[in-house]
Amino acid sequence: MSANKLTSVDFEIFGNVQGVCFRMYTEDQGRSLGLNGWVKNTRQGTVIGQIQGPQDKVQDMMLWLRSVGSPSSRIDRAVFSNQRDISKLEIHGFSTRY
């Protein structure tokens, strides 16, 4: 039953995550899981974003962000915040923001 619940979570990834196609891989992974969201580089050298979708798929994406990333990236730390249940998707598609 909980697999059908929609959830939303914000993330920030620390490490060597810029200039290593991290956003592109994040976008591809999010789409392959059927999630909605966005991803963006920050001036501080981190990557931030938001993901929305079925709770189990969001959990899969959080694990991917924490431990996989792009092939050339090095993830030192992943911070997830504002996790909440949502009644309907607030974001449509998965995109890179600039």
PDB file of N, CA and C in Angstrom:
ATOM      1  N   MET A   1       0.834  -1.198   0.000  1.00  0.00           N
ATOM      2  CA  MET A   1       0.000   0.000   0.000  1.00  0.00           C
ATOM      3  C   MET A   1       0.873   1.253   0.000  1.00  0.00           C
ATOM      4  N   SER A   2       1.902   1.287   0.834  1.00  0.00           N
ATOM      5  CA  SER A   2       2.745   2.477   0.943  1.00  0.00           C
ATOM      6  C   SER A   2       3.512   2.755  -0.346  1.00  0.00           C
ATOM      7  N   ALA A   3       3.642   1.745  -1.218  1.00  0.00           N
ATOM      8  CA  ALA A   3       4.347   1.930  -2.482  1.00  0.00           C
ATOM      9  C   ALA A   3       3.612   2.948  -3.360  1.00  0.00           C
ATOM     10  N   ASN A   4       2.302   3.111  -3.135  1.00  0.00           N
ATOM     11  CA  ASN A   4       1.518   4.041  -3.944  1.00  0.00           C
ATOM     12  C   ASN A   4       1.509   5.454  -3.370  1.00  0.00           C
ATOM     13  N   LYS A   5       1.998   5.607  -2.148  1.00  0.00           N
ATOM     14  CA  LYS A   5       2.041   6.937  -1.556  1.00  0.00           C
ATOM     15  C   LYS A   5       3.089   7.776  -2.268  1.00  0.00           C
ATOM     16  N   LEU A   6       2.745   9.023  -2.550  1.00  0.00           N
ATOM     17  CA  LEU A   6       3.692   9.936  -3.198  1.00  0.00           C
ATOM     18  C   LEU A   6       4.453  10.695  -2.127  1.00  0.00           C
ATOM     19  N   THR A   7       5.723  10.884  -2.384  1.00  0.00           N
ATOM     20  CA  THR A   7       6.563  11.614  -1.449  1.00  0.00           C
ATOM     21  C   THR A   7       7.455  12.582  -2.208  1.00  0.00           C
ATOM     22  N   SER A   8       7.927  13.590  -1.498  1.00  0.00           N
ATOM     23  CA  SER A   8       8.813  14.596  -2.071  1.00  0.00           C
ATOM     24  C   SER A   8       9.987  14.783  -1.116  1.00  0.00           C
ATOM     25  N   VAL A   9      11.183  14.940  -1.672  1.00  0.00           N
ATOM     26  CA  VAL A   9      12.353  15.164  -0.824  1.00  0.00           C
ATOM     27  C   VAL A   9      13.345  16.067  -1.556  1.00  0.00           C
ATOM     28  N   ASP A  10      13.969  16.956  -0.801  1.00  0.00           N
ATOM     29  CA  ASP A  10      15.038  17.813  -1.322  1.00  0.00           C
ATOM     30  C   ASP A  10      16.364  17.144  -1.011  1.00  0.00           C
ATOM     31  N   PHE A  11      17.382  17.416  -1.856  1.00  0.00           N
ATOM     32  CA  PHE A  11      18.688  16.827  -1.588  1.00  0.00           C
ATOM     33  C   PHE A  11      19.809  17.804  -1.902  1.00  0.00           C
ATOM     34  N   GLU A  12      20.941  17.589  -1.237  1.00  0.00           N
ATOM     35  CA  GLU A  12      22.181  18.291  -1.558  1.00  0.00           C
ATOM     36  C   GLU A  12      23.306  17.274  -1.462  1.00  0.00           C
ATOM     37  N   ILE A  13      24.112  17.193  -2.527  1.00  0.00           N
ATOM     38  CA  ILE A  13      25.180  16.211  -2.606  1.00  0.00           C
ATOM     39  C   ILE A  13      26.518  16.939  -2.558  1.00  0.00           C
ATOM     40  N   PHE A  14      27.388  16.498  -1.651  1.00  0.00           N
ATOM     41  CA  PHE A  14      28.706  17.091  -1.445  1.00  0.00           C
ATOM     42  C   PHE A  14      29.775  16.142  -1.960  1.00  0.00           C
ATOM     43  N   GLY A  15      30.887  16.687  -2.447  1.00  0.00           N
ATOM     44  CA  GLY A  15      31.999  15.881  -2.951  1.00  0.00           C
ATOM     45  C   GLY A  15      32.456  16.408  -4.290  1.00  0.00           C
ATOM     46  N   ASN A  16      33.034  15.549  -5.092  1.00  0.00           N
ATOM     47  CA  ASN A  16      33.429  15.930  -6.447  1.00  0.00           C
ATOM     48  C   ASN A  16      32.253  15.612  -7.353  1.00  0.00           C
ATOM     49  N   VAL A  17      31.303  16.556  -7.435  1.00  0.00           N
ATOM     50  CA  VAL A  17      30.049  16.296  -8.142  1.00  0.00           C
ATOM     51  C   VAL A  17      29.762  17.311  -9.255  1.00  0.00           C
ATOM     52  N   GLN A  18      30.701  18.214  -9.504  1.00  0.00           N
ATOM     53  CA  GLN A  18      30.532  19.144 -10.616  1.00  0.00           C
ATOM     54  C   GLN A  18      31.606  18.866 -11.654  1.00  0.00           C
ATOM     55  N   GLY A  19      31.228  19.006 -12.924  1.00  0.00           N
ATOM     56  CA  GLY A  19      32.163  18.736 -14.006  1.00  0.00           C
ATOM     57  C   GLY A  19      32.372  17.252 -14.260  1.00  0.00           C
ATOM     58  N   VAL A  20      31.491  16.421 -13.716  1.00  0.00           N
ATOM     59  CA  VAL A  20      31.605  14.961 -13.876  1.00  0.00           C
ATOM     60  C   VAL A  20      30.286  14.352 -14.372  1.00  0.00           C
ATOM     61  N   CYS A  21      29.476  15.185 -15.036  1.00  0.00           N
ATOM     62  CA  CYS A  21      28.181  14.760 -15.606  1.00  0.00           C
ATOM     63  C   CYS A  21      27.186  14.274 -14.543  1.00  0.00           C
ATOM     64  N   PHE A  22      27.349  14.742 -13.302  1.00  0.00           N
ATOM     65  CA  PHE A  22      26.479  14.293 -12.216  1.00  0.00           C
ATOM     66  C   PHE A  22      25.015  14.643 -12.489  1.00  0.00           C
ATOM     67  N   ARG A  23      24.767  15.866 -12.979  1.00  0.00           N
ATOM     68  CA  ARG A  23      23.384  16.270 -13.241  1.00  0.00           C
ATOM     69  C   ARG A  23      22.746  15.409 -14.320  1.00  0.00           C
ATOM     70  N   MET A  24      23.491  15.146 -15.395  1.00  0.00           N
ATOM     71  CA  MET A  24      22.964  14.347 -16.502  1.00  0.00           C
ATOM     72  C   MET A  24      22.605  12.932 -16.023  1.00  0.00           C
ATOM     73  N   TYR A  25      23.503  12.322 -15.257  1.00  0.00           N
ATOM     74  CA  TYR A  25      23.238  10.975 -14.745  1.00  0.00           C
ATOM     75  C   TYR A  25      22.073  10.979 -13.758  1.00  0.00           C
ATOM     76  N   THR A  26      21.971  12.039 -12.954  1.00  0.00           N
ATOM     77  CA  THR A  26      20.868  12.146 -12.004  1.00  0.00           C
ATOM     78  C   THR A  26      19.538  12.238 -12.747  1.00  0.00           C
ATOM     79  N   GLU A  27      19.523  13.066 -13.778  1.00  0.00           N
ATOM     80  CA  GLU A  27      18.319  13.212 -14.592  1.00  0.00           C
ATOM     81  C   GLU A  27      17.936  11.867 -15.228  1.00  0.00           C
ATOM     82  N   ASP A  28      18.910  11.181 -15.816  1.00  0.00           N
ATOM     83  CA  ASP A  28      18.655   9.880 -16.447  1.00  0.00           C
ATOM     84  C   ASP A  28      18.138   8.859 -15.433  1.00  0.00           C
ATOM     85  N   GLN A  29      18.767   8.820 -14.259  1.00  0.00           N
ATOM     86  CA  GLN A  29      18.357   7.867 -13.222  1.00  0.00           C
ATOM     87  C   GLN A  29      16.942   8.173 -12.734  1.00  0.00           C
ATOM     88  N   GLY A  30      16.666   9.451 -12.519  1.00  0.00           N
ATOM     89  CA  GLY A  30      15.324   9.845 -12.092  1.00  0.00           C
ATOM     90  C   GLY A  30      14.267   9.442 -13.100  1.00  0.00           C
ATOM     91  N   ARG A  31      14.545   9.679 -14.366  1.00  0.00           N
ATOM     92  CA  ARG A  31      13.586   9.314 -15.422  1.00  0.00           C
ATOM     93  C   ARG A  31      13.416   7.799 -15.506  1.00  0.00           C
ATOM     94  N   SER A  32      14.532   7.063 -15.378  1.00  0.00           N
ATOM     95  CA  SER A  32      14.434   5.603 -15.492  1.00  0.00           C
ATOM     96  C   SER A  32      13.613   5.014 -14.339  1.00  0.00           C
ATOM     97  N   LEU A  33      13.601   5.691 -13.196  1.00  0.00           N
ATOM     98  CA  LEU A  33      12.783   5.248 -12.062  1.00  0.00           C
ATOM     99  C   LEU A  33      11.354   5.778 -12.146  1.00  0.00           C
ATOM    100  N   GLY A  34      11.085   6.620 -13.146  1.00  0.00           N
ATOM    101  CA  GLY A  34       9.746   7.186 -13.301  1.00  0.00           C
ATOM    102  C   GLY A  34       9.455   8.310 -12.335  1.00  0.00           C
ATOM    103  N   LEU A  35      10.515   8.984 -11.875  1.00  0.00           N
ATOM    104  CA  LEU A  35      10.349  10.076 -10.908  1.00  0.00           C
ATOM    105  C   LEU A  35      10.275  11.421 -11.606  1.00  0.00           C
ATOM    106  N   ASN A  36       9.771  12.394 -10.878  1.00  0.00           N
ATOM    107  CA  ASN A  36       9.760  13.782 -11.328  1.00  0.00           C
ATOM    108  C   ASN A  36      10.696  14.556 -10.433  1.00  0.00           C
ATOM    109  N   GLY A  37      11.280  15.626 -10.985  1.00  0.00           N
ATOM    110  CA  GLY A  37      12.147  16.442 -10.156  1.00  0.00           C
ATOM    111  C   GLY A  37      13.057  17.327 -10.962  1.00  0.00           C
ATOM    112  N   TRP A  38      14.060  17.848 -10.286  1.00  0.00           N
ATOM    113  CA  TRP A  38      15.044  18.705 -10.927  1.00  0.00           C
ATOM    114  C   TRP A  38      16.369  18.583 -10.201  1.00  0.00           C
ATOM    115  N   VAL A  39      17.431  19.018 -10.871  1.00  0.00           N
ATOM    116  CA  VAL A  39      18.788  18.965 -10.329  1.00  0.00           C
ATOM    117  C   VAL A  39      19.535  20.208 -10.799  1.00  0.00           C
ATOM    118  N   LYS A  40      20.437  20.715  -9.955  1.00  0.00           N
ATOM    119  CA  LYS A  40      21.120  21.971 -10.275  1.00  0.00           C
ATOM    120  C   LYS A  40      22.466  22.044  -9.552  1.00  0.00           C
ATOM    121  N   ASN A  41      23.475  22.615 -10.217  1.00  0.00           N
ATOM    122  CA  ASN A  41      24.757  22.910  -9.554  1.00  0.00           C
ATOM    123  C   ASN A  41      24.593  24.149  -8.690  1.00  0.00           C
ATOM    124  N   THR A  42      25.353  24.214  -7.602  1.00  0.00           N
ATOM    125  CA  THR A  42      25.371  25.423  -6.776  1.00  0.00           C
ATOM    126  C   THR A  42      26.731  26.108  -6.919  1.00  0.00           C
ATOM    127  N   ARG A  43      26.788  27.351  -6.520  1.00  0.00           N
ATOM    128  CA  ARG A  43      28.062  28.088  -6.541  1.00  0.00           C
ATOM    129  C   ARG A  43      29.048  27.530  -5.520  1.00  0.00           C
ATOM    130  N   GLN A  44      28.538  26.792  -4.535  1.00  0.00           N
ATOM    131  CA  GLN A  44      29.391  26.214  -3.483  1.00  0.00           C
ATOM    132  C   GLN A  44      30.025  24.897  -3.913  1.00  0.00           C
ATOM    133  N   GLY A  45      29.736  24.437  -5.136  1.00  0.00           N
ATOM    134  CA  GLY A  45      30.347  23.204  -5.620  1.00  0.00           C
ATOM    135  C   GLY A  45      29.555  21.948  -5.293  1.00  0.00           C
ATOM    136  N   THR A  46      28.317  22.132  -4.818  1.00  0.00           N
ATOM    137  CA  THR A  46      27.466  20.983  -4.536  1.00  0.00           C
ATOM    138  C   THR A  46      26.418  20.855  -5.638  1.00  0.00           C
ATOM    139  N   VAL A  47      25.634  19.806  -5.558  1.00  0.00           N
ATOM    140  CA  VAL A  47      24.486  19.625  -6.451  1.00  0.00           C
ATOM    141  C   VAL A  47      23.244  19.544  -5.574  1.00  0.00           C
ATOM    142  N   ILE A  48      22.231  20.335  -5.926  1.00  0.00           N
ATOM    143  CA  ILE A  48      20.974  20.314  -5.178  1.00  0.00           C
ATOM    144  C   ILE A  48      19.853  19.875  -6.102  1.00  0.00           C
ATOM    145  N   GLY A  49      18.725  19.503  -5.505  1.00  0.00           N
ATOM    146  CA  GLY A  49      17.571  19.153  -6.315  1.00  0.00           C
ATOM    147  C   GLY A  49      16.418  18.690  -5.468  1.00  0.00           C
ATOM    148  N   GLN A  50      15.397  18.253  -6.177  1.00  0.00           N
ATOM    149  CA  GLN A  50      14.195  17.747  -5.524  1.00  0.00           C
ATOM    150  C   GLN A  50      13.685  16.574  -6.341  1.00  0.00           C
ATOM    151  N   ILE A  51      13.202  15.550  -5.654  1.00  0.00           N
ATOM    152  CA  ILE A  51      12.612  14.404  -6.330  1.00  0.00           C
ATOM    153  C   ILE A  51      11.232  14.137  -5.754  1.00  0.00           C
ATOM    154  N   GLN A  52      10.330  13.718  -6.649  1.00  0.00           N
ATOM    155  CA  GLN A  52       8.959  13.400  -6.253  1.00  0.00           C
ATOM    156  C   GLN A  52       8.511  12.153  -6.978  1.00  0.00           C
ATOM    157  N   GLY A  53       7.729  11.347  -6.290  1.00  0.00           N
ATOM    158  CA  GLY A  53       7.175  10.146  -6.909  1.00  0.00           C
ATOM    159  C   GLY A  53       6.781   9.144  -5.846  1.00  0.00           C
ATOM    160  N   PRO A  54       6.518   7.901  -6.282  1.00  0.00           N
ATOM    161  CA  PRO A  54       6.161   6.841  -5.329  1.00  0.00           C
ATOM    162  C   PRO A  54       7.272   6.644  -4.296  1.00  0.00           C
ATOM    163  N   GLN A  55       6.870   6.433  -3.059  1.00  0.00           N
ATOM    164  CA  GLN A  55       7.801   6.355  -1.935  1.00  0.00           C
ATOM    165  C   GLN A  55       8.952   5.371  -2.176  1.00  0.00           C
ATOM    166  N   ASP A  56       8.644   4.180  -2.711  1.00  0.00           N
ATOM    167  CA  ASP A  56       9.697   3.179  -2.897  1.00  0.00           C
ATOM    168  C   ASP A  56      10.712   3.624  -3.952  1.00  0.00           C
ATOM    169  N   LYS A  57      10.240   4.295  -5.007  1.00  0.00           N
ATOM    170  CA  LYS A  57      11.146   4.768  -6.063  1.00  0.00           C
ATOM    171  C   LYS A  57      11.998   5.937  -5.574  1.00  0.00           C
ATOM    172  N   VAL A  58      11.412   6.797  -4.747  1.00  0.00           N
ATOM    173  CA  VAL A  58      12.170   7.907  -4.157  1.00  0.00           C
ATOM    174  C   VAL A  58      13.270   7.346  -3.263  1.00  0.00           C
ATOM    175  N   GLN A  59      12.959   6.288  -2.503  1.00  0.00           N
ATOM    176  CA  GLN A  59      13.974   5.641  -1.658  1.00  0.00           C
ATOM    177  C   GLN A  59      15.117   5.085  -2.510  1.00  0.00           C
ATOM    178  N   ASP A  60      14.769   4.461  -3.653  1.00  0.00           N
ATOM    179  CA  ASP A  60      15.786   3.936  -4.573  1.00  0.00           C
ATOM    180  C   ASP A  60      16.691   5.066  -5.072  1.00  0.00           C
ATOM    181  N   MET A  61      16.080   6.199  -5.405  1.00  0.00           N
ATOM    182  CA  MET A  61      16.840   7.346  -5.915  1.00  0.00           C
ATOM    183  C   MET A  61      17.736   7.927  -4.828  1.00  0.00           C
ATOM    184  N   MET A  62      17.242   7.979  -3.596  1.00  0.00           N
ATOM    185  CA  MET A  62      18.051   8.490  -2.486  1.00  0.00           C
ATOM    186  C   MET A  62      19.285   7.606  -2.282  1.00  0.00           C
ATOM    187  N   LEU A  63      19.114   6.302  -2.379  1.00  0.00           N
ATOM    188  CA  LEU A  63      20.240   5.381  -2.258  1.00  0.00           C
ATOM    189  C   LEU A  63      21.242   5.614  -3.395  1.00  0.00           C
ATOM    190  N   TRP A  64      20.731   5.814  -4.606  1.00  0.00           N
ATOM    191  CA  TRP A  64      21.594   6.074  -5.773  1.00  0.00           C
ATOM    192  C   TRP A  64      22.375   7.381  -5.573  1.00  0.00           C
ATOM    193  N   LEU A  65      21.695   8.418  -5.099  1.00  0.00           N
ATOM    194  CA  LEU A  65      22.356   9.718  -4.876  1.00  0.00           C
ATOM    195  C   LEU A  65      23.419   9.626  -3.785  1.00  0.00           C
ATOM    196  N   ARG A  66      23.178   8.792  -2.792  1.00  0.00           N
ATOM    197  CA  ARG A  66      24.080   8.661  -1.655  1.00  0.00           C
ATOM    198  C   ARG A  66      25.319   7.833  -1.996  1.00  0.00           C
ATOM    199  N   SER A  67      25.172   6.859  -2.913  1.00  0.00           N
ATOM    200  CA  SER A  67      26.251   5.881  -3.067  1.00  0.00           C
ATOM    201  C   SER A  67      26.722   5.604  -4.488  1.00  0.00           C
ATOM    202  N   VAL A  68      26.002   6.072  -5.515  1.00  0.00           N
ATOM    203  CA  VAL A  68      26.386   5.738  -6.888  1.00  0.00           C
ATOM    204  C   VAL A  68      26.823   6.984  -7.647  1.00  0.00           C
ATOM    205  N   GLY A  69      25.869   7.827  -8.026  1.00  0.00           N
ATOM    206  CA  GLY A  69      26.188   9.043  -8.773  1.00  0.00           C
ATOM    207  C   GLY A  69      26.720   8.745 -10.164  1.00  0.00           C
ATOM    208  N   SER A  70      27.430   9.711 -10.744  1.00  0.00           N
ATOM    209  CA  SER A  70      28.002   9.495 -12.076  1.00  0.00           C
ATOM    210  C   SER A  70      29.325   8.744 -11.941  1.00  0.00           C
ATOM    211  N   PRO A  71      29.775   8.079 -13.010  1.00  0.00           N
ATOM    212  CA  PRO A  71      30.991   7.255 -12.914  1.00  0.00           C
ATOM    213  C   PRO A  71      32.229   7.993 -12.408  1.00  0.00           C
ATOM    214  N   SER A  72      32.372   9.272 -12.740  1.00  0.00           N
ATOM    215  CA  SER A  72      33.577  10.016 -12.336  1.00  0.00           C
ATOM    216  C   SER A  72      33.402  10.797 -11.035  1.00  0.00           C
ATOM    217  N   SER A  73      32.218  10.729 -10.448  1.00  0.00           N
ATOM    218  CA  SER A  73      31.968  11.532  -9.241  1.00  0.00           C
ATOM    219  C   SER A  73      32.524  10.852  -7.996  1.00  0.00           C
ATOM    220  N   ARG A  74      32.691  11.662  -6.948  1.00  0.00           N
ATOM    221  CA  ARG A  74      33.026  11.155  -5.616  1.00  0.00           C
ATOM    222  C   ARG A  74      32.033  11.797  -4.651  1.00  0.00           C
ATOM    223  N   ILE A  75      31.203  10.991  -4.062  1.00  0.00           N
ATOM    224  CA  ILE A  75      30.179  11.498  -3.146  1.00  0.00           C
ATOM    225  C   ILE A  75      30.711  11.410  -1.726  1.00  0.00           C
ATOM    226  N   ASP A  76      30.891  12.568  -1.098  1.00  0.00           N
ATOM    227  CA  ASP A  76      31.349  12.605   0.291  1.00  0.00           C
ATOM    228  C   ASP A  76      30.170  12.542   1.264  1.00  0.00           C
ATOM    229  N   ARG A  77      29.091  13.210   0.886  1.00  0.00           N
ATOM    230  CA  ARG A  77      27.954  13.312   1.809  1.00  0.00           C
ATOM    231  C   ARG A  77      26.701  13.644   1.024  1.00  0.00           C
ATOM    232  N   ALA A  78      25.593  13.048   1.403  1.00  0.00           N
ATOM    233  CA  ALA A  78      24.294  13.359   0.818  1.00  0.00           C
ATOM    234  C   ALA A  78      23.373  13.787   1.955  1.00  0.00           C
ATOM    235  N   VAL A  79      22.756  14.944   1.793  1.00  0.00           N
ATOM    236  CA  VAL A  79      21.850  15.467   2.815  1.00  0.00           C
ATOM    237  C   VAL A  79      20.446  15.530   2.220  1.00  0.00           C
ATOM    238  N   PHE A  80      19.495  14.898   2.898  1.00  0.00           N
ATOM    239  CA  PHE A  80      18.108  14.907   2.449  1.00  0.00           C
ATOM    240  C   PHE A  80      17.285  15.680   3.469  1.00  0.00           C
ATOM    241  N   SER A  81      16.398  16.534   2.969  1.00  0.00           N
ATOM    242  CA  SER A  81      15.600  17.377   3.871  1.00  0.00           C
ATOM    243  C   SER A  81      14.195  17.569   3.306  1.00  0.00           C
ATOM    244  N   ASN A  82      13.322  18.098   4.130  1.00  0.00           N
ATOM    245  CA  ASN A  82      11.944  18.415   3.733  1.00  0.00           C
ATOM    246  C   ASN A  82      11.209  17.217   3.137  1.00  0.00           C
ATOM    247  N   GLN A  83      11.496  16.018   3.633  1.00  0.00           N
ATOM    248  CA  GLN A  83      10.773  14.860   3.110  1.00  0.00           C
ATOM    249  C   GLN A  83       9.343  14.913   3.630  1.00  0.00           C
ATOM    250  N   ARG A  84       8.397  14.783   2.708  1.00  0.00           N
ATOM    251  CA  ARG A  84       6.994  14.897   3.086  1.00  0.00           C
ATOM    252  C   ARG A  84       6.133  14.107   2.115  1.00  0.00           C
ATOM    253  N   ASP A  85       4.986  13.677   2.602  1.00  0.00           N
ATOM    254  CA  ASP A  85       4.006  13.017   1.734  1.00  0.00           C
ATOM    255  C   ASP A  85       3.267  14.103   0.958  1.00  0.00           C
ATOM    256  N   ILE A  86       2.968  13.812  -0.294  1.00  0.00           N
ATOM    257  CA  ILE A  86       2.214  14.756  -1.119  1.00  0.00           C
ATOM    258  C   ILE A  86       1.022  14.017  -1.723  1.00  0.00           C
ATOM    259  N   SER A  87      -0.061  14.748  -1.970  1.00  0.00           N
ATOM    260  CA  SER A  87      -1.269  14.115  -2.521  1.00  0.00           C
ATOM    261  C   SER A  87      -1.195  13.995  -4.038  1.00  0.00           C
ATOM    262  N   LYS A  88      -0.467  14.938  -4.684  1.00  0.00           N
ATOM    263  CA  LYS A  88      -0.260  14.828  -6.125  1.00  0.00           C
ATOM    264  C   LYS A  88       1.088  15.449  -6.478  1.00  0.00           C
ATOM    265  N   LEU A  89       1.618  15.067  -7.630  1.00  0.00           N
ATOM    266  CA  LEU A  89       2.924  15.563  -8.053  1.00  0.00           C
ATOM    267  C   LEU A  89       2.876  17.067  -8.287  1.00  0.00           C
ATOM    268  N   GLU A  90       3.893  17.759  -7.786  1.00  0.00           N
ATOM    269  CA  GLU A  90       3.985  19.210  -7.952  1.00  0.00           C
ATOM    270  C   GLU A  90       4.959  19.570  -9.077  1.00  0.00           C
ATOM    271  N   ILE A  91       5.741  18.599  -9.505  1.00  0.00           N
ATOM    272  CA  ILE A  91       6.721  18.787 -10.566  1.00  0.00           C
ATOM    273  C   ILE A  91       6.410  17.765 -11.656  1.00  0.00           C
ATOM    274  N   HIS A  92       6.518  18.178 -12.902  1.00  0.00           N
ATOM    275  CA  HIS A  92       6.244  17.249 -14.004  1.00  0.00           C
ATOM    276  C   HIS A  92       7.499  17.110 -14.848  1.00  0.00           C
ATOM    277  N   GLY A  93       7.943  15.868 -15.014  1.00  0.00           N
ATOM    278  CA  GLY A  93       9.179  15.603 -15.751  1.00  0.00           C
ATOM    279  C   GLY A  93      10.387  15.719 -14.840  1.00  0.00           C
ATOM    280  N   PHE A  94      11.549  15.463 -15.420  1.00  0.00           N
ATOM    281  CA  PHE A  94      12.796  15.572 -14.652  1.00  0.00           C
ATOM    282  C   PHE A  94      13.735  16.446 -15.476  1.00  0.00           C
ATOM    283  N   SER A  95      14.244  17.522 -14.895  1.00  0.00           N
ATOM    284  CA  SER A  95      15.034  18.465 -15.682  1.00  0.00           C
ATOM    285  C   SER A  95      16.251  18.969 -14.914  1.00  0.00           C
ATOM    286  N   THR A  96      17.169  19.521 -15.676  1.00  0.00           N
ATOM    287  CA  THR A  96      18.322  20.208 -15.100  1.00  0.00           C
ATOM    288  C   THR A  96      18.001  21.698 -15.087  1.00  0.00           C
ATOM    289  N   ARG A  97      18.215  22.335 -13.946  1.00  0.00           N
ATOM    290  CA  ARG A  97      17.996  23.779 -13.832  1.00  0.00           C
ATOM    291  C   ARG A  97      19.342  24.478 -13.836  1.00  0.00           C
ATOM    292  N   TYR A  98      19.343  25.713 -14.321  1.00  0.00           N
ATOM    293  CA  TYR A  98      20.581  26.495 -14.401  1.00  0.00           C
ATOM    294  C   TYR A  98      20.445  27.799 -13.639  1.00  0.00           C
TER     295      TYR A  98
END
